[in-house]
């Protein structure tokens, strides 16, 4: 089963918005080590992009898409965490307050806790 996430992330260090090199999706299980997947950074062409341009962030690509296989994942709940890579440093790690649940029947997205 393939899982896909699409969204946006904005990294800020002090007062500067960073043009991230990559956005990393981290799935933190209830027990065991985390799983990480690098995303494809993309420009956004939707109402969110218009708001970013209005705030002076139009030159930075903030959109991302990631696809990964859930076949190797153990059953259980995983917290969905995002991190931005800038100059080989993982910055702006944020727990999205959303979870992913893998069961014998497949993958289920669980809303904000």
Protein backbone atom coordinates (compact mmCIF):
# COMPACT_ATOMS: atom_id res chain seq x y z
CA UNK A 1 0.00 0.00 0.00
CA UNK A 2 1.37 3.42 -0.95
CA UNK A 3 0.76 6.39 1.32
CA UNK A 4 0.94 9.98 0.01
CA UNK A 5 1.09 13.27 1.90
CA UNK A 6 0.89 16.70 0.31
CA UNK A 7 1.19 19.93 2.26
CA UNK A 8 3.41 22.89 3.04
CA UNK A 9 6.00 23.87 5.62
CA UNK A 10 7.76 27.17 6.29
CA UNK A 11 11.03 27.25 8.20
CA UNK A 12 12.10 30.38 10.03
CA UNK A 13 15.35 31.02 11.89
CA UNK A 14 15.23 34.13 14.05
CA UNK A 15 13.66 36.66 11.64
CA UNK A 16 14.66 35.02 8.35
CA UNK A 17 12.59 32.58 6.33
CA UNK A 18 14.82 29.83 5.04
CA UNK A 19 14.75 28.34 1.56
CA UNK A 20 14.78 24.76 2.82
CA UNK A 21 16.79 22.17 0.93
CA UNK A 22 14.28 19.46 1.79
CA UNK A 23 11.31 18.75 3.97
CA UNK A 24 11.42 15.49 5.90
CA UNK A 25 8.36 13.55 6.98
CA UNK A 26 9.05 11.67 10.21
CA UNK A 27 6.71 8.97 11.50
CA UNK A 28 7.28 8.44 15.22
CA UNK A 29 5.84 5.11 16.45
CA UNK A 30 4.54 4.55 19.96
CA UNK A 31 7.55 2.29 20.48
CA UNK A 32 10.69 1.74 18.45
CA UNK A 33 12.68 4.04 16.22
CA UNK A 34 11.22 6.67 13.89
CA UNK A 35 10.79 6.28 10.14
CA UNK A 36 11.83 9.16 7.86
CA UNK A 37 10.96 9.93 4.25
CA UNK A 38 12.39 12.77 2.17
CA UNK A 39 9.81 14.73 0.26
CA UNK A 40 9.79 16.43 -3.12
CA UNK A 41 9.77 20.21 -2.64
CA UNK A 42 7.49 22.07 -5.01
CA UNK A 43 6.01 25.46 -5.57
CA UNK A 44 2.38 25.91 -4.57
CA UNK A 45 -0.21 27.40 -6.89
CA UNK A 46 -3.28 27.76 -4.74
CA UNK A 47 -4.73 30.22 -2.19
CA UNK A 48 -1.93 29.36 0.25
CA UNK A 49 0.65 30.56 -2.28
CA UNK A 50 -1.19 33.88 -2.61
CA UNK A 51 -1.01 34.38 1.16
CA UNK A 52 2.71 33.53 1.17
CA UNK A 53 3.39 36.04 -1.60
CA UNK A 54 1.45 38.71 0.31
CA UNK A 55 3.71 38.04 3.31
CA UNK A 56 6.87 38.33 1.20
CA UNK A 57 7.52 34.59 1.03
CA UNK A 58 6.81 34.08 -2.65
CA UNK A 59 10.37 33.16 -3.64
CA UNK A 60 10.66 30.18 -1.29
CA UNK A 61 9.23 26.80 -2.26
CA UNK A 62 7.15 25.59 0.67
CA UNK A 63 5.02 22.84 -0.85
CA UNK A 64 5.89 19.17 -0.58
CA UNK A 65 4.71 15.76 -1.64
CA UNK A 66 5.93 12.46 -0.28
CA UNK A 67 4.99 8.90 -1.20
CA UNK A 68 6.15 5.84 0.66
CA UNK A 69 5.26 2.20 1.05
CA UNK A 70 3.61 1.10 4.28
CA UNK A 71 4.54 -2.54 3.70
CA UNK A 72 7.54 -2.46 6.07
CA UNK A 73 5.71 -0.58 8.82
CA UNK A 74 4.64 -2.43 11.96
CA UNK A 75 1.03 -2.20 13.10
CA UNK A 76 0.34 0.66 15.50
CA UNK A 77 -0.03 4.43 15.70
CA UNK A 78 2.59 6.86 14.36
CA UNK A 79 2.82 10.59 15.12
CA UNK A 80 3.32 12.66 11.96
CA UNK A 81 6.23 15.08 12.36
CA UNK A 82 7.73 17.51 9.81
CA UNK A 83 11.26 18.85 9.71
CA UNK A 84 13.00 21.21 7.28
CA UNK A 85 16.56 20.55 6.11
CA UNK A 86 18.72 23.64 5.57
CA UNK A 87 22.45 23.31 4.93
CA UNK A 88 22.38 19.69 6.17
CA UNK A 89 20.74 20.66 9.48
CA UNK A 90 17.30 19.49 10.50
CA UNK A 91 15.46 22.64 11.63
CA UNK A 92 11.91 23.50 12.52
CA UNK A 93 10.85 20.06 13.74
CA UNK A 94 7.10 20.23 14.35
CA UNK A 95 4.65 17.63 15.59
CA UNK A 96 1.59 18.10 13.36
CA UNK A 97 -0.77 16.66 16.02
CA UNK A 98 -1.98 14.17 13.43
CA UNK A 99 -1.42 10.43 13.54
CA UNK A 100 -1.26 7.57 11.11
CA UNK A 101 -2.55 4.17 12.19
CA UNK A 102 -1.48 0.95 10.51
CA UNK A 103 -3.69 -2.07 11.06
CA UNK A 104 -4.00 -5.43 9.34
CA UNK A 105 -6.69 -3.74 7.19
CA UNK A 106 -4.46 -0.89 5.96
CA UNK A 107 -3.59 2.70 6.82
CA UNK A 108 -5.89 5.20 8.51
CA UNK A 109 -5.30 8.92 8.98
CA UNK A 110 -6.27 10.18 12.44
CA UNK A 111 -7.13 13.89 12.80
CA UNK A 112 -5.67 16.37 15.27
CA UNK A 113 -5.51 15.04 18.81
